[in-house]
């Protein structure tokens, strides 16, 4: 894939992730686009999607590897700890749909 197309693909995937996946903070849903985490995820997932399907284990490992700073950086929590189960299901749905459309 050409560089421009890769950037476009990341942007498209990031948009889907950002609109459908959220973190839960004190019962508030903060969508990943608002938390500026959607592009980071798209950059991690796109190469895997281009090679084939992404497993739940791979998704979990990626989510665990992305630190989210809280309290002005006083604490870091893995993104996986902030996503409720329903949001993880939405993420898998987005990835599966994106994979079908490749």
N, C-alpha and C. Protein backbone atom coordinates (compact mmCIF):
# COMPACT_ATOMS: atom_id res chain seq x y z
N UNK A 1 0.83 -1.18 0.00
CA UNK A 1 0.00 0.00 0.00
C UNK A 1 0.89 1.25 0.00
N UNK A 2 0.53 2.24 -0.77
CA UNK A 2 1.31 3.47 -0.81
C UNK A 2 1.16 4.24 0.49
N UNK A 3 2.13 5.09 0.74
CA UNK A 3 2.12 5.85 1.99
C UNK A 3 0.84 6.67 2.15
N UNK A 4 0.42 7.35 1.08
CA UNK A 4 -0.80 8.15 1.15
C UNK A 4 -1.99 7.26 1.50
N UNK A 5 -2.07 6.10 0.83
CA UNK A 5 -3.18 5.21 1.09
C UNK A 5 -3.14 4.66 2.52
N UNK A 6 -1.95 4.42 3.04
CA UNK A 6 -1.83 3.95 4.42
C UNK A 6 -2.32 5.03 5.37
N UNK A 7 -1.93 6.27 5.14
CA UNK A 7 -2.39 7.36 6.00
C UNK A 7 -3.91 7.50 5.91
N UNK A 8 -4.44 7.36 4.71
CA UNK A 8 -5.88 7.45 4.52
C UNK A 8 -6.59 6.29 5.23
N UNK A 9 -6.01 5.09 5.13
CA UNK A 9 -6.59 3.91 5.78
C UNK A 9 -6.58 4.07 7.30
N UNK A 10 -5.47 4.60 7.83
CA UNK A 10 -5.40 4.83 9.27
C UNK A 10 -6.45 5.83 9.70
N UNK A 11 -6.61 6.89 8.92
CA UNK A 11 -7.60 7.91 9.23
C UNK A 11 -9.01 7.35 9.21
N UNK A 12 -9.30 6.51 8.22
CA UNK A 12 -10.63 5.90 8.12
C UNK A 12 -10.90 4.97 9.30
N UNK A 13 -9.94 4.11 9.61
CA UNK A 13 -10.10 3.18 10.73
C UNK A 13 -10.19 3.94 12.04
N UNK A 14 -9.36 4.96 12.20
CA UNK A 14 -9.39 5.78 13.42
C UNK A 14 -10.74 6.44 13.60
N UNK A 15 -11.32 6.91 12.52
CA UNK A 15 -12.64 7.54 12.59
C UNK A 15 -13.69 6.56 13.10
N UNK A 16 -13.67 5.36 12.56
CA UNK A 16 -14.63 4.34 13.00
C UNK A 16 -14.44 3.99 14.48
N UNK A 17 -13.19 3.81 14.87
CA UNK A 17 -12.90 3.50 16.28
C UNK A 17 -13.32 4.66 17.17
N UNK A 18 -12.98 5.86 16.78
CA UNK A 18 -13.27 7.04 17.59
C UNK A 18 -14.74 7.30 17.79
N UNK A 19 -15.56 6.90 16.81
CA UNK A 19 -17.00 7.14 16.89
C UNK A 19 -17.75 6.06 17.66
N UNK A 20 -17.15 4.88 17.80
CA UNK A 20 -17.91 3.75 18.37
C UNK A 20 -17.34 3.17 19.66
N UNK A 21 -16.10 3.51 19.98
CA UNK A 21 -15.45 2.92 21.15
C UNK A 21 -15.22 4.01 22.19
N UNK A 22 -15.52 3.69 23.45
CA UNK A 22 -15.40 4.68 24.52
C UNK A 22 -14.76 4.07 25.76
N UNK A 23 -14.22 4.96 26.57
CA UNK A 23 -13.78 4.56 27.90
C UNK A 23 -14.85 5.02 28.88
N UNK A 24 -14.92 4.35 29.99
CA UNK A 24 -15.92 4.66 31.01
C UNK A 24 -15.20 5.25 32.22
N UNK A 25 -15.51 6.50 32.53
CA UNK A 25 -14.93 7.18 33.69
C UNK A 25 -16.08 7.69 34.54
N UNK A 26 -16.25 7.12 35.72
CA UNK A 26 -17.33 7.51 36.63
C UNK A 26 -18.68 7.50 35.91
N UNK A 27 -18.93 6.46 35.12
CA UNK A 27 -20.16 6.25 34.36
C UNK A 27 -20.36 7.27 33.24
N UNK A 28 -19.31 8.01 32.90
CA UNK A 28 -19.33 8.90 31.75
C UNK A 28 -18.65 8.17 30.59
N UNK A 29 -19.23 8.25 29.41
CA UNK A 29 -18.63 7.64 28.24
C UNK A 29 -17.81 8.70 27.51
N UNK A 30 -16.52 8.48 27.47
CA UNK A 30 -15.61 9.36 26.75
C UNK A 30 -15.13 8.61 25.52
N UNK A 31 -15.63 9.04 24.37
CA UNK A 31 -15.28 8.36 23.13
C UNK A 31 -13.80 8.57 22.81
N UNK A 32 -13.20 7.57 22.18
CA UNK A 32 -11.76 7.60 21.97
C UNK A 32 -11.30 8.74 21.07
N UNK A 33 -12.17 9.24 20.20
CA UNK A 33 -11.79 10.41 19.40
C UNK A 33 -11.61 11.62 20.31
N UNK A 34 -12.47 11.75 21.32
CA UNK A 34 -12.38 12.87 22.25
C UNK A 34 -11.19 12.74 23.19
N UNK A 35 -10.79 11.50 23.45
CA UNK A 35 -9.64 11.24 24.32
C UNK A 35 -8.34 11.20 23.50
N UNK A 36 -8.45 11.38 22.20
CA UNK A 36 -7.29 11.37 21.29
C UNK A 36 -6.53 10.04 21.34
N UNK A 37 -7.28 8.96 21.43
CA UNK A 37 -6.68 7.62 21.46
C UNK A 37 -7.03 6.80 20.23
N UNK A 38 -7.92 7.28 19.40
CA UNK A 38 -8.39 6.51 18.25
C UNK A 38 -7.31 6.29 17.20
N UNK A 39 -6.47 7.28 16.94
CA UNK A 39 -5.43 7.14 15.93
C UNK A 39 -4.34 6.17 16.39
N UNK A 40 -4.01 6.23 17.66
CA UNK A 40 -3.01 5.31 18.22
C UNK A 40 -3.46 3.86 18.00
N UNK A 41 -4.73 3.60 18.27
CA UNK A 41 -5.25 2.25 18.06
C UNK A 41 -5.25 1.87 16.59
N UNK A 42 -5.69 2.77 15.74
CA UNK A 42 -5.73 2.48 14.31
C UNK A 42 -4.33 2.15 13.79
N UNK A 43 -3.33 2.88 14.24
CA UNK A 43 -1.95 2.61 13.81
C UNK A 43 -1.47 1.24 14.26
N UNK A 44 -1.95 0.78 15.40
CA UNK A 44 -1.57 -0.55 15.91
C UNK A 44 -2.32 -1.67 15.18
N UNK A 45 -3.60 -1.42 14.87
CA UNK A 45 -4.43 -2.48 14.30
C UNK A 45 -4.32 -2.62 12.79
N UNK A 46 -4.07 -1.53 12.08
CA UNK A 46 -4.08 -1.60 10.61
C UNK A 46 -3.10 -2.64 10.06
N UNK A 47 -1.85 -2.69 10.50
CA UNK A 47 -0.94 -3.72 9.95
C UNK A 47 -1.45 -5.15 10.19
N UNK A 48 -2.07 -5.38 11.33
CA UNK A 48 -2.60 -6.71 11.62
C UNK A 48 -3.77 -7.03 10.72
N UNK A 49 -4.63 -6.03 10.48
CA UNK A 49 -5.79 -6.24 9.62
C UNK A 49 -5.37 -6.50 8.18
N UNK A 50 -4.31 -5.84 7.74
CA UNK A 50 -3.83 -6.05 6.37
C UNK A 50 -3.23 -7.44 6.19
N UNK A 51 -2.71 -8.02 7.26
CA UNK A 51 -2.13 -9.37 7.20
C UNK A 51 -3.19 -10.46 7.32
N UNK A 52 -4.29 -10.14 7.95
CA UNK A 52 -5.35 -11.11 8.19
C UNK A 52 -6.21 -10.64 9.33
N UNK A 53 -7.04 -11.50 9.83
CA UNK A 53 -7.94 -11.10 10.91
C UNK A 53 -7.19 -10.90 12.22
N UNK A 54 -7.79 -10.14 13.11
CA UNK A 54 -7.21 -9.84 14.41
C UNK A 54 -7.97 -10.64 15.46
N UNK A 55 -7.24 -11.34 16.31
CA UNK A 55 -7.87 -12.14 17.36
C UNK A 55 -8.15 -11.29 18.60
N UNK A 56 -9.03 -11.79 19.43
CA UNK A 56 -9.34 -11.10 20.68
C UNK A 56 -8.10 -10.99 21.56
N UNK A 57 -7.24 -12.01 21.53
CA UNK A 57 -6.00 -11.97 22.31
C UNK A 57 -5.09 -10.84 21.84
N UNK A 58 -4.99 -10.67 20.53
CA UNK A 58 -4.18 -9.58 19.99
C UNK A 58 -4.74 -8.22 20.40
N UNK A 59 -6.06 -8.10 20.33
CA UNK A 59 -6.71 -6.84 20.73
C UNK A 59 -6.43 -6.56 22.19
N UNK A 60 -6.57 -7.56 23.03
CA UNK A 60 -6.33 -7.40 24.46
C UNK A 60 -4.88 -6.98 24.72
N UNK A 61 -3.93 -7.61 24.06
CA UNK A 61 -2.52 -7.25 24.25
C UNK A 61 -2.25 -5.81 23.84
N UNK A 62 -2.83 -5.39 22.74
CA UNK A 62 -2.63 -4.01 22.28
C UNK A 62 -3.26 -3.04 23.27
N UNK A 63 -4.47 -3.34 23.72
CA UNK A 63 -5.13 -2.46 24.69
C UNK A 63 -4.34 -2.37 25.99
N UNK A 64 -3.72 -3.46 26.40
CA UNK A 64 -2.92 -3.47 27.61
C UNK A 64 -1.61 -2.70 27.44
N UNK A 65 -1.15 -2.58 26.21
CA UNK A 65 0.14 -1.94 25.97
C UNK A 65 0.05 -0.41 25.82
N UNK A 66 -1.16 0.12 25.78
CA UNK A 66 -1.33 1.56 25.58
C UNK A 66 -1.64 2.21 26.92
N UNK A 67 -0.69 2.99 27.44
CA UNK A 67 -0.91 3.66 28.73
C UNK A 67 -1.76 4.92 28.55
N UNK A 68 -2.67 5.14 29.49
CA UNK A 68 -3.49 6.34 29.51
C UNK A 68 -3.14 7.10 30.78
N UNK A 69 -2.70 8.33 30.60
CA UNK A 69 -2.32 9.14 31.76
C UNK A 69 -3.56 9.75 32.40
N UNK A 70 -3.60 9.66 33.72
CA UNK A 70 -4.72 10.22 34.50
C UNK A 70 -4.17 11.23 35.49
N UNK A 71 -4.99 12.19 35.86
CA UNK A 71 -4.59 13.16 36.88
C UNK A 71 -3.37 13.96 36.49
N UNK A 72 -3.32 14.39 35.23
CA UNK A 72 -2.17 15.17 34.79
C UNK A 72 -0.88 14.39 34.75
N UNK A 73 -1.01 13.08 34.59
CA UNK A 73 0.18 12.24 34.49
C UNK A 73 0.63 11.63 35.80
N UNK A 74 -0.14 11.86 36.88
CA UNK A 74 0.23 11.28 38.17
C UNK A 74 0.15 9.76 38.16
N UNK A 75 -0.72 9.23 37.30
CA UNK A 75 -0.93 7.78 37.24
C UNK A 75 -1.16 7.38 35.80
N UNK A 76 -0.70 6.21 35.46
CA UNK A 76 -0.95 5.63 34.14
C UNK A 76 -1.72 4.33 34.32
N UNK A 77 -2.72 4.16 33.47
CA UNK A 77 -3.55 2.96 33.51
C UNK A 77 -3.60 2.40 32.08
N UNK A 78 -3.49 1.10 31.93
CA UNK A 78 -3.62 0.52 30.58
C UNK A 78 -5.01 0.81 30.02
N UNK A 79 -5.07 1.09 28.75
CA UNK A 79 -6.36 1.37 28.10
C UNK A 79 -7.35 0.25 28.34
N UNK A 80 -6.87 -0.97 28.41
CA UNK A 80 -7.75 -2.13 28.62
C UNK A 80 -8.55 -2.01 29.91
N UNK A 81 -8.01 -1.32 30.90
CA UNK A 81 -8.69 -1.17 32.19
C UNK A 81 -9.83 -0.16 32.13
N UNK A 82 -9.84 0.68 31.12
CA UNK A 82 -10.83 1.75 31.03
C UNK A 82 -11.98 1.44 30.07
N UNK A 83 -11.82 0.40 29.26
CA UNK A 83 -12.86 0.02 28.31
C UNK A 83 -13.82 -0.98 28.94
N UNK A 84 -15.10 -0.64 29.04
CA UNK A 84 -16.05 -1.65 29.52
C UNK A 84 -16.22 -2.74 28.46
N UNK A 85 -16.78 -3.85 28.85
CA UNK A 85 -16.92 -5.00 27.95
C UNK A 85 -17.69 -4.61 26.68
N UNK A 86 -18.75 -3.84 26.81
CA UNK A 86 -19.53 -3.45 25.64
C UNK A 86 -18.69 -2.66 24.65
N UNK A 87 -17.81 -1.82 25.15
CA UNK A 87 -16.95 -1.04 24.29
C UNK A 87 -15.92 -1.93 23.58
N UNK A 88 -15.45 -2.95 24.27
CA UNK A 88 -14.53 -3.90 23.64
C UNK A 88 -15.23 -4.67 22.53
N UNK A 89 -16.51 -4.98 22.75
CA UNK A 89 -17.30 -5.65 21.71
C UNK A 89 -17.44 -4.73 20.50
N UNK A 90 -17.70 -3.44 20.74
CA UNK A 90 -17.79 -2.47 19.64
C UNK A 90 -16.47 -2.41 18.88
N UNK A 91 -15.36 -2.44 19.59
CA UNK A 91 -14.05 -2.41 18.95
C UNK A 91 -13.86 -3.63 18.05
N UNK A 92 -14.18 -4.79 18.55
CA UNK A 92 -14.06 -6.01 17.73
C UNK A 92 -14.96 -5.92 16.51
N UNK A 93 -16.18 -5.40 16.67
CA UNK A 93 -17.09 -5.23 15.54
C UNK A 93 -16.50 -4.30 14.49
N UNK A 94 -15.93 -3.19 14.93
CA UNK A 94 -15.31 -2.24 14.00
C UNK A 94 -14.17 -2.91 13.24
N UNK A 95 -13.33 -3.63 13.95
CA UNK A 95 -12.18 -4.29 13.32
C UNK A 95 -12.64 -5.36 12.32
N UNK A 96 -13.64 -6.14 12.70
CA UNK A 96 -14.14 -7.18 11.80
C UNK A 96 -14.78 -6.57 10.55
N UNK A 97 -15.53 -5.49 10.73
CA UNK A 97 -16.15 -4.82 9.59
C UNK A 97 -15.08 -4.23 8.66
N UNK A 98 -14.09 -3.61 9.25
CA UNK A 98 -13.00 -3.02 8.46
C UNK A 98 -12.29 -4.13 7.67
N UNK A 99 -12.04 -5.25 8.32
CA UNK A 99 -11.37 -6.38 7.67
C UNK A 99 -12.18 -6.87 6.47
N UNK A 100 -13.49 -6.97 6.61
CA UNK A 100 -14.35 -7.42 5.51
C UNK A 100 -14.27 -6.47 4.31
N UNK A 101 -14.08 -5.18 4.60
CA UNK A 101 -14.08 -4.18 3.52
C UNK A 101 -12.72 -3.96 2.89
N UNK A 102 -11.68 -4.65 3.39
CA UNK A 102 -10.35 -4.51 2.77
C UNK A 102 -10.30 -5.15 1.40
